[in-house]
Amino acid sequence: MTDHLQALGWTARFEELFEPYRSEGLTPARVGMEHTHIYRVLTGQDEWLARVAGRLRHQASSRADFPTVGDWVAVEPPASSGDARIKAVLPRTSRFSRRAAGDPTEEQIVAANIDTVFLVGGLDHDFNPRRLERYLVVAWESGATPVIVLNKADLVDDPQIPVDEVRALAPGVDVHAVSTRQPESLAPLQAYLTTGRTGALLGMSGVGKSSIANRLVGHELLRTNEVRESDSRGRHTSSNRQLVQLPGGGLLIDTPGMRELQLWEAGGLTDTFADVASLAEQCRFRDCRHGQEPGCAVTGAVAAGEFPESRLDSFRKLAAEREHAERQQDERALLERKRQGRIGAKAIRQVTRIKDRT
């Protein structure tokens, strides 16, 4: 492996996965930015504009099969003029996904091959621990390690109070209170971003993701906007996901602020609500939904004042959303199988007619 690729996050695993493409004369590259139908890819030595090759486009069965920021891809270098061609996407080590806006059965991958997911919340009027629980579910599902960053710590008298509150709902997850007006407070985040390690900043618009990225980069790389005083909400300052290299050797993906984060998969529900899962082991029924079932240890703990009802309500809401999403995806998969079956049957009939004529 070469040093310039390792600086971009290249590992022995990717080296092995890329071996079949090397004999085809293709070059490994990492997707640094995604525009509409065009990508900026990084080889460590060059930076190219690239488009998806026709064969890959034809073979893609869904949006998730196309490259996204953070992906490692096999690229045909550009000719003297023109763009490079992305021939294949290497299997991802992690991916942060959500349900695509406007399509309840389509997955949108926000970023790929992330080591650390920084879940950013703002300690202003829009601070919402329940929203952080939702982000945690998706973060644990991604395969990356979640870290919670509470920005705008300078706006509260005692940042330790919300830090303790968040630690209670996210046991085992690192929580840091920071302020972009106090750059030294961001130093703990550098520890997650050593050479070749990739972090991603995720959160609502207006929480200060781009400001954090600018401080970590060391200059104003990404444009920022002020937030509204009335509700602390901001505009979508970052309109594209972007992978940037940091002075200390790490890599960082900034993402557009999300108005909503709808679950695609929710396998991380158990990790996020480990306290609920622990209590559930004492429930009378193994498939207890922690509602009206007799012998439910979770609702019993709530009734006894030993467990917060708001925490259980949040779990129920996300569990119901997960089940609804799974049903929709199952229905789509069934329709797709039927469609493929009709296509296959039509092809067989056509072949049969041809044979009959001959």
Protein backbone atom coordinates (compact mmCIF):
# COMPACT_ATOMS: atom_id res chain seq x y z
CA MET A 1 0.00 0.00 0.00
CA THR A 2 1.22 3.49 -0.78
CA ASP A 3 1.36 6.28 1.79
CA HIS A 4 -0.84 8.62 -0.25
CA LEU A 5 -3.65 6.08 -0.31
CA GLN A 6 -3.27 5.25 3.39
CA ALA A 7 -3.63 8.96 4.16
CA LEU A 8 -7.07 8.76 2.54
CA GLY A 9 -8.10 5.77 4.66
CA TRP A 10 -6.90 2.91 2.45
CA THR A 11 -6.42 -0.34 4.38
CA ALA A 12 -5.22 -3.88 3.74
CA ARG A 13 -8.88 -4.91 3.41
CA PHE A 14 -9.48 -2.47 0.57
CA GLU A 15 -6.18 -3.52 -1.04
CA GLU A 16 -7.42 -7.12 -1.14
CA LEU A 17 -10.87 -6.14 -2.43
CA PHE A 18 -9.33 -4.04 -5.20
CA GLU A 19 -6.99 -6.74 -6.52
CA PRO A 20 -9.32 -7.97 -9.33
CA TYR A 21 -9.63 -4.41 -10.68
CA ARG A 22 -5.92 -3.70 -10.67
CA SER A 23 -5.34 -6.24 -13.44
CA GLU A 24 -7.89 -4.31 -15.54
CA GLY A 25 -5.74 -1.19 -15.34
CA LEU A 26 -8.14 0.61 -12.99
CA THR A 27 -7.07 3.02 -10.25
CA PRO A 28 -8.32 3.10 -6.64
CA ALA A 29 -9.84 6.43 -5.61
CA ARG A 30 -12.03 7.79 -2.87
CA VAL A 31 -15.16 9.85 -3.52
CA GLY A 32 -14.56 13.31 -2.09
CA MET A 33 -17.68 15.09 -3.31
CA GLU A 34 -20.92 14.16 -5.01
CA HIS A 35 -22.77 16.46 -7.39
CA THR A 36 -25.66 15.61 -9.68
CA HIS A 37 -24.40 12.78 -11.90
CA ILE A 38 -20.75 13.71 -11.36
CA TYR A 39 -18.22 13.04 -8.61
CA ARG A 40 -14.88 14.40 -7.48
CA VAL A 41 -12.55 11.48 -6.70
CA LEU A 42 -9.20 11.52 -4.91
CA THR A 43 -6.27 9.21 -5.62
CA GLY A 44 -3.92 10.82 -3.13
CA GLN A 45 -1.85 12.19 -6.00
CA ASP A 46 -4.57 13.47 -8.34
CA GLU A 47 -8.09 14.80 -8.14
CA TRP A 48 -10.45 13.95 -11.01
CA LEU A 49 -14.02 14.58 -12.02
CA ALA A 50 -15.69 11.23 -12.66
CA ARG A 51 -18.95 9.79 -13.90
CA VAL A 52 -20.51 6.38 -13.32
CA ALA A 53 -19.76 3.97 -16.16
CA GLY A 54 -22.72 2.72 -18.17
CA ARG A 55 -22.38 -0.87 -17.03
CA LEU A 56 -22.38 0.07 -13.33
CA ARG A 57 -25.38 2.33 -13.92
CA HIS A 58 -27.24 -0.48 -15.68
CA GLN A 59 -26.44 -3.04 -12.95
CA ALA A 60 -27.49 -0.76 -10.08
CA SER A 61 -30.79 -1.92 -8.62
CA SER A 62 -31.28 1.06 -6.30
CA ARG A 63 -29.83 4.41 -5.29
CA ALA A 64 -27.71 2.65 -2.64
CA ASP A 65 -25.70 0.91 -5.38
CA PHE A 66 -24.32 4.22 -6.68
CA PRO A 67 -21.19 5.82 -5.21
CA THR A 68 -21.49 8.19 -2.28
CA VAL A 69 -19.05 10.41 -0.41
CA GLY A 70 -16.48 8.29 1.42
CA ASP A 71 -16.75 5.34 -0.95
CA TRP A 72 -13.70 3.65 -2.42
CA VAL A 73 -14.15 3.10 -6.14
CA ALA A 74 -12.35 1.49 -9.06
CA VAL A 75 -11.78 4.21 -11.63
CA GLU A 76 -10.71 4.30 -15.24
CA PRO A 77 -8.40 7.34 -15.44
CA PRO A 78 -9.49 10.19 -17.72
CA ALA A 79 -8.14 10.40 -21.23
CA SER A 80 -6.38 13.55 -22.41
CA SER A 81 -9.75 15.28 -22.16
CA GLY A 82 -12.94 14.22 -20.43
CA ASP A 83 -13.83 12.68 -17.10
CA ALA A 84 -12.74 9.53 -15.33
CA ARG A 85 -15.16 6.58 -15.25
CA ILE A 86 -16.24 4.81 -12.05
CA LYS A 87 -16.40 1.11 -12.91
CA ALA A 88 -17.11 -0.36 -9.46
CA VAL A 89 -17.78 0.52 -5.82
CA LEU A 90 -15.81 -1.49 -3.24
CA PRO A 91 -17.81 -3.07 -0.39
CA ARG A 92 -18.35 -0.57 2.43
CA THR A 93 -17.05 -1.05 5.96
CA SER A 94 -19.77 1.23 7.31
CA ARG A 95 -22.55 3.42 5.98
CA PHE A 96 -24.85 6.01 7.47
CA SER A 97 -28.26 5.55 5.84
CA ARG A 98 -31.67 7.10 6.11
CA ARG A 99 -34.98 6.73 4.32
CA ALA A 100 -34.91 8.84 1.18
CA ALA A 101 -37.15 11.88 1.23
CA GLY A 102 -40.33 11.30 -0.74
CA ASP A 103 -39.83 7.54 -1.10
CA PRO A 104 -40.54 5.36 1.96
CA THR A 105 -38.91 2.31 0.36
CA GLU A 106 -35.69 3.87 -0.96
CA GLU A 107 -32.42 3.97 0.99
CA GLN A 108 -30.21 7.07 0.84
CA ILE A 109 -26.63 6.57 1.97
CA VAL A 110 -25.39 9.81 3.49
CA ALA A 111 -21.74 8.80 3.91
CA ALA A 112 -19.66 5.61 3.71
CA ASN A 113 -16.56 4.05 5.25
CA ILE A 114 -16.72 6.19 8.39
CA ASP A 115 -14.82 5.33 11.55
CA THR A 116 -16.49 7.87 13.85
CA VAL A 117 -19.91 9.52 13.54
CA PHE A 118 -20.03 12.87 15.31
CA LEU A 119 -23.67 13.49 16.21
CA VAL A 120 -23.89 17.24 16.65
CA GLY A 121 -26.55 18.98 18.74
CA GLY A 122 -26.76 22.64 19.69
CA LEU A 123 -27.04 23.81 23.30
CA ASP A 124 -29.42 26.61 22.37
CA HIS A 125 -33.19 26.86 22.14
CA ASP A 126 -33.33 23.83 19.85
CA PHE A 127 -31.53 21.36 22.15
CA ASN A 128 -33.46 18.08 21.97
CA PRO A 129 -32.20 14.87 23.67
CA ARG A 130 -35.00 12.86 22.01
CA ARG A 131 -33.63 13.80 18.59
CA LEU A 132 -30.19 12.59 19.64
CA GLU A 133 -31.71 9.20 20.45
CA ARG A 134 -32.95 8.96 16.87
CA TYR A 135 -29.51 9.82 15.52
CA LEU A 136 -27.95 7.25 17.83
CA VAL A 137 -30.17 4.48 16.46
CA VAL A 138 -28.95 5.19 12.92
CA ALA A 139 -25.35 5.71 14.03
CA TRP A 140 -25.13 2.33 15.79
CA GLU A 141 -26.68 0.69 12.73
CA SER A 142 -24.05 2.29 10.47
CA GLY A 143 -21.16 0.25 11.82
CA ALA A 144 -19.22 3.36 12.88
CA THR A 145 -18.60 4.52 16.44
CA PRO A 146 -20.95 7.31 17.57
CA VAL A 147 -19.63 10.32 19.49
CA ILE A 148 -22.02 13.04 20.66
CA VAL A 149 -20.88 16.65 20.27
CA LEU A 150 -22.87 19.34 22.09
CA ASN A 151 -21.99 22.58 20.35
CA LYS A 152 -22.58 26.17 21.53
CA ALA A 153 -21.52 25.36 25.07
CA ASP A 154 -20.81 29.06 25.54
CA LEU A 155 -24.57 29.73 25.53
CA VAL A 156 -25.28 27.84 28.78
CA ASP A 157 -24.15 28.59 32.32
CA ASP A 158 -23.11 25.02 33.10
CA PRO A 159 -22.49 22.74 30.07
CA GLN A 160 -21.94 19.80 32.40
CA ILE A 161 -25.69 19.61 33.10
CA PRO A 162 -26.72 18.74 29.49
CA VAL A 163 -23.61 16.56 29.16
CA ASP A 164 -24.75 14.47 32.13
CA GLU A 165 -28.29 14.35 30.75
CA VAL A 166 -27.08 13.03 27.40
CA ARG A 167 -24.70 10.53 28.99
CA ALA A 168 -27.65 9.08 30.89
CA LEU A 169 -29.50 8.33 27.64
CA ALA A 170 -26.37 7.23 25.78
CA PRO A 171 -24.38 5.00 28.16
CA GLY A 172 -20.98 4.05 26.79
CA VAL A 173 -20.97 6.87 24.21
CA ASP A 174 -18.41 9.66 24.48
CA VAL A 175 -20.02 13.08 24.94
CA HIS A 176 -18.18 16.39 24.46
CA ALA A 177 -19.39 19.95 25.04
CA VAL A 178 -17.66 22.34 22.63
CA SER A 179 -17.89 25.87 21.29
CA THR A 180 -16.52 27.07 17.97
CA ARG A 181 -15.93 30.41 19.70
CA GLN A 182 -13.52 28.56 21.97
CA PRO A 183 -11.34 26.58 19.52
CA GLU A 184 -9.43 24.85 22.33
CA SER A 185 -12.66 23.07 23.32
CA LEU A 186 -12.52 21.15 20.00
CA ALA A 187 -9.17 19.53 20.84
CA PRO A 188 -10.78 16.27 22.14
CA LEU A 189 -12.30 15.68 18.70
CA GLN A 190 -8.84 15.55 17.13
CA ALA A 191 -8.13 12.31 18.99
CA TYR A 192 -10.69 10.50 16.81
CA LEU A 193 -9.21 11.89 13.59
CA THR A 194 -5.69 10.51 13.41
CA THR A 195 -4.02 9.74 10.08
CA GLY A 196 -6.27 7.74 7.77
CA ARG A 197 -9.26 7.81 10.14
CA THR A 198 -12.54 9.23 8.86
CA GLY A 199 -15.16 11.12 10.83
CA ALA A 200 -18.54 12.45 9.70
CA LEU A 201 -20.49 15.37 11.13
CA LEU A 202 -24.22 14.75 11.25
CA GLY A 203 -27.05 16.80 12.68
CA MET A 204 -29.84 19.28 12.08
CA SER A 205 -29.21 22.48 10.17
CA GLY A 206 -28.06 25.29 12.43
CA VAL A 207 -26.20 23.17 15.00
CA GLY A 208 -22.81 24.36 13.72
CA LYS A 209 -21.40 21.40 11.78
CA SER A 210 -19.72 23.55 9.14
CA SER A 211 -18.29 25.87 11.79
CA ILE A 212 -16.81 22.86 13.59
CA ALA A 213 -15.37 21.57 10.31
CA ASN A 214 -13.81 24.97 9.58
CA ARG A 215 -12.14 25.05 13.01
CA LEU A 216 -10.77 21.53 12.56
CA VAL A 217 -9.51 22.31 9.06
CA GLY A 218 -7.93 25.54 10.27
CA HIS A 219 -9.54 27.93 7.79
CA GLU A 220 -12.93 28.90 6.38
CA LEU A 221 -13.36 26.01 3.97
CA LEU A 222 -17.13 25.71 4.28
CA ARG A 223 -19.67 28.51 4.16
CA THR A 224 -21.72 29.14 7.30
CA ASN A 225 -24.97 31.01 7.99
CA GLU A 226 -26.46 32.57 11.09
CA VAL A 227 -29.39 30.80 12.73
CA ARG A 228 -32.77 32.33 13.52
CA GLU A 229 -32.98 33.65 17.07
CA SER A 230 -36.61 32.57 17.42
CA ASP A 231 -36.04 28.83 17.15
CA SER A 232 -32.27 28.38 16.65
CA ARG A 233 -32.86 26.76 13.27
CA GLY A 234 -30.50 27.37 10.39
CA ARG A 235 -30.52 27.08 6.65
CA HIS A 236 -28.86 24.25 4.77
CA THR A 237 -25.43 25.92 4.56
CA SER A 238 -23.67 22.81 3.21
CA SER A 239 -25.50 21.81 0.04
CA ASN A 240 -23.16 18.93 -0.81
CA ARG A 241 -21.44 16.26 1.21
CA GLN A 242 -17.70 16.77 1.13
CA LEU A 243 -14.66 14.80 2.31
CA VAL A 244 -11.77 17.00 3.46
CA GLN A 245 -8.30 16.15 4.74
CA LEU A 246 -7.32 17.70 8.05
CA PRO A 247 -3.90 19.13 8.97
CA GLY A 248 -3.44 16.40 11.56
CA GLY A 249 -3.87 13.64 8.99
CA GLY A 250 -7.48 12.60 9.55
CA LEU A 251 -10.44 13.02 7.22
CA LEU A 252 -13.79 14.63 7.83
CA ILE A 253 -17.12 14.48 5.99
CA ASP A 254 -19.44 17.44 6.42
CA THR A 255 -23.07 16.82 5.49
CA PRO A 256 -26.02 19.10 4.76
CA GLY A 257 -28.25 19.78 7.75
CA MET A 258 -31.16 17.36 7.97
CA ARG A 259 -34.69 18.62 8.46
CA GLU A 260 -35.65 15.09 9.32
CA LEU A 261 -33.99 11.72 9.78
CA GLN A 262 -36.34 8.88 8.99
CA LEU A 263 -35.16 5.40 9.85
CA TRP A 264 -34.14 3.01 7.09
CA GLU A 265 -32.85 0.19 9.27
CA ALA A 266 -33.03 0.25 13.04
CA GLY A 267 -30.84 -2.59 14.19
CA GLY A 268 -29.18 0.01 16.42
CA LEU A 269 -32.33 0.30 18.52
CA THR A 270 -31.04 -2.26 21.02
CA ASP A 271 -27.68 -0.48 21.38
CA THR A 272 -29.32 2.91 21.81
CA PHE A 273 -31.84 1.62 24.34
CA ALA A 274 -29.62 -0.86 26.17
CA ASP A 275 -31.38 0.10 29.42
CA VAL A 276 -34.74 -0.94 27.97
CA ALA A 277 -33.23 -4.18 26.64
CA SER A 278 -31.76 -4.95 30.08
CA LEU A 279 -35.12 -4.48 31.81
CA ALA A 280 -36.88 -6.46 29.06
CA GLU A 281 -34.95 -9.58 30.08
CA GLN A 282 -37.22 -9.70 33.14
CA CYS A 283 -40.49 -9.40 31.17
CA ARG A 284 -42.90 -12.33 31.40
CA PHE A 285 -43.09 -12.68 27.60
CA ARG A 286 -40.03 -12.74 25.37
CA ASP A 287 -41.83 -10.81 22.63
CA CYS A 288 -43.15 -8.17 25.04
CA ARG A 289 -43.76 -4.83 23.34
CA HIS A 290 -43.71 -2.94 26.65
CA GLY A 291 -47.25 -1.69 26.26
CA GLN A 292 -50.24 -3.28 27.98
CA GLU A 293 -48.77 -6.77 28.36
CA PRO A 294 -49.01 -8.31 31.84
CA GLY A 295 -45.73 -8.88 33.63
CA CYS A 296 -43.82 -6.21 31.66
CA ALA A 297 -40.73 -5.26 33.63
CA VAL A 298 -40.24 -2.02 31.68
CA THR A 299 -43.69 -0.54 32.31
CA GLY A 300 -43.43 -1.83 35.89
CA ALA A 301 -40.22 0.16 36.37
CA VAL A 302 -41.92 3.26 34.95
CA ALA A 303 -44.89 2.83 37.31
CA ALA A 304 -42.50 2.48 40.26
CA GLY A 305 -40.68 5.67 39.30
CA GLU A 306 -37.49 3.73 38.59
CA PHE A 307 -37.38 4.41 34.85
CA PRO A 308 -38.25 7.64 32.95
CA GLU A 309 -41.53 7.44 31.03
CA SER A 310 -40.17 9.83 28.37
CA ARG A 311 -37.41 7.33 27.61
CA LEU A 312 -39.92 4.50 27.15
CA ASP A 313 -42.14 6.72 24.96
CA SER A 314 -39.15 7.47 22.73
CA PHE A 315 -38.34 3.75 22.45
CA ARG A 316 -41.93 2.91 21.52
CA LYS A 317 -42.06 5.62 18.87
CA LEU A 318 -38.82 4.52 17.19
CA ALA A 319 -39.76 0.82 17.44
CA ALA A 320 -43.11 1.52 15.75
CA GLU A 321 -41.36 3.52 13.04
CA ARG A 322 -38.93 0.67 12.46
CA GLU A 323 -41.73 -1.86 12.10
CA HIS A 324 -43.61 0.39 9.68
CA ALA A 325 -40.49 0.87 7.56
CA GLU A 326 -39.83 -2.88 7.50
CA ARG A 327 -43.38 -3.57 6.31
CA GLN A 328 -43.04 -1.03 3.51
CA GLN A 329 -39.72 -2.50 2.42
CA ASP A 330 -41.14 -6.04 2.48
CA GLU A 331 -44.09 -4.91 0.34
CA ARG A 332 -41.75 -3.29 -2.17
CA ALA A 333 -39.57 -6.40 -2.30
CA LEU A 334 -42.66 -8.55 -2.96
CA LEU A 335 -43.78 -6.26 -5.79
CA GLU A 336 -40.29 -6.33 -7.27
CA ARG A 337 -40.20 -10.16 -7.19
CA LYS A 338 -43.58 -10.26 -8.93
CA ARG A 339 -42.34 -7.80 -11.56
CA GLN A 340 -39.22 -9.86 -12.20
CA GLY A 341 -41.38 -12.99 -12.39
CA ARG A 342 -43.58 -11.40 -15.07
CA ILE A 343 -40.49 -10.36 -17.03
CA GLY A 344 -39.11 -13.90 -16.81
CA ALA A 345 -42.41 -15.45 -17.84
CA LYS A 346 -42.68 -13.11 -20.82
CA ALA A 347 -39.15 -14.01 -21.92
CA ILE A 348 -39.96 -17.73 -21.71
CA ARG A 349 -43.11 -17.25 -23.80
CA GLN A 350 -41.13 -15.39 -26.45
CA VAL A 351 -38.50 -18.13 -26.61
CA THR A 352 -41.24 -20.77 -26.86
CA ARG A 353 -42.92 -18.96 -29.76
CA ILE A 354 -39.63 -18.76 -31.63
CA LYS A 355 -39.02 -22.49 -31.15
CA ASP A 356 -42.54 -23.31 -32.31
CA ARG A 357 -42.01 -21.34 -35.52
CA THR A 358 -38.82 -23.21 -36.29
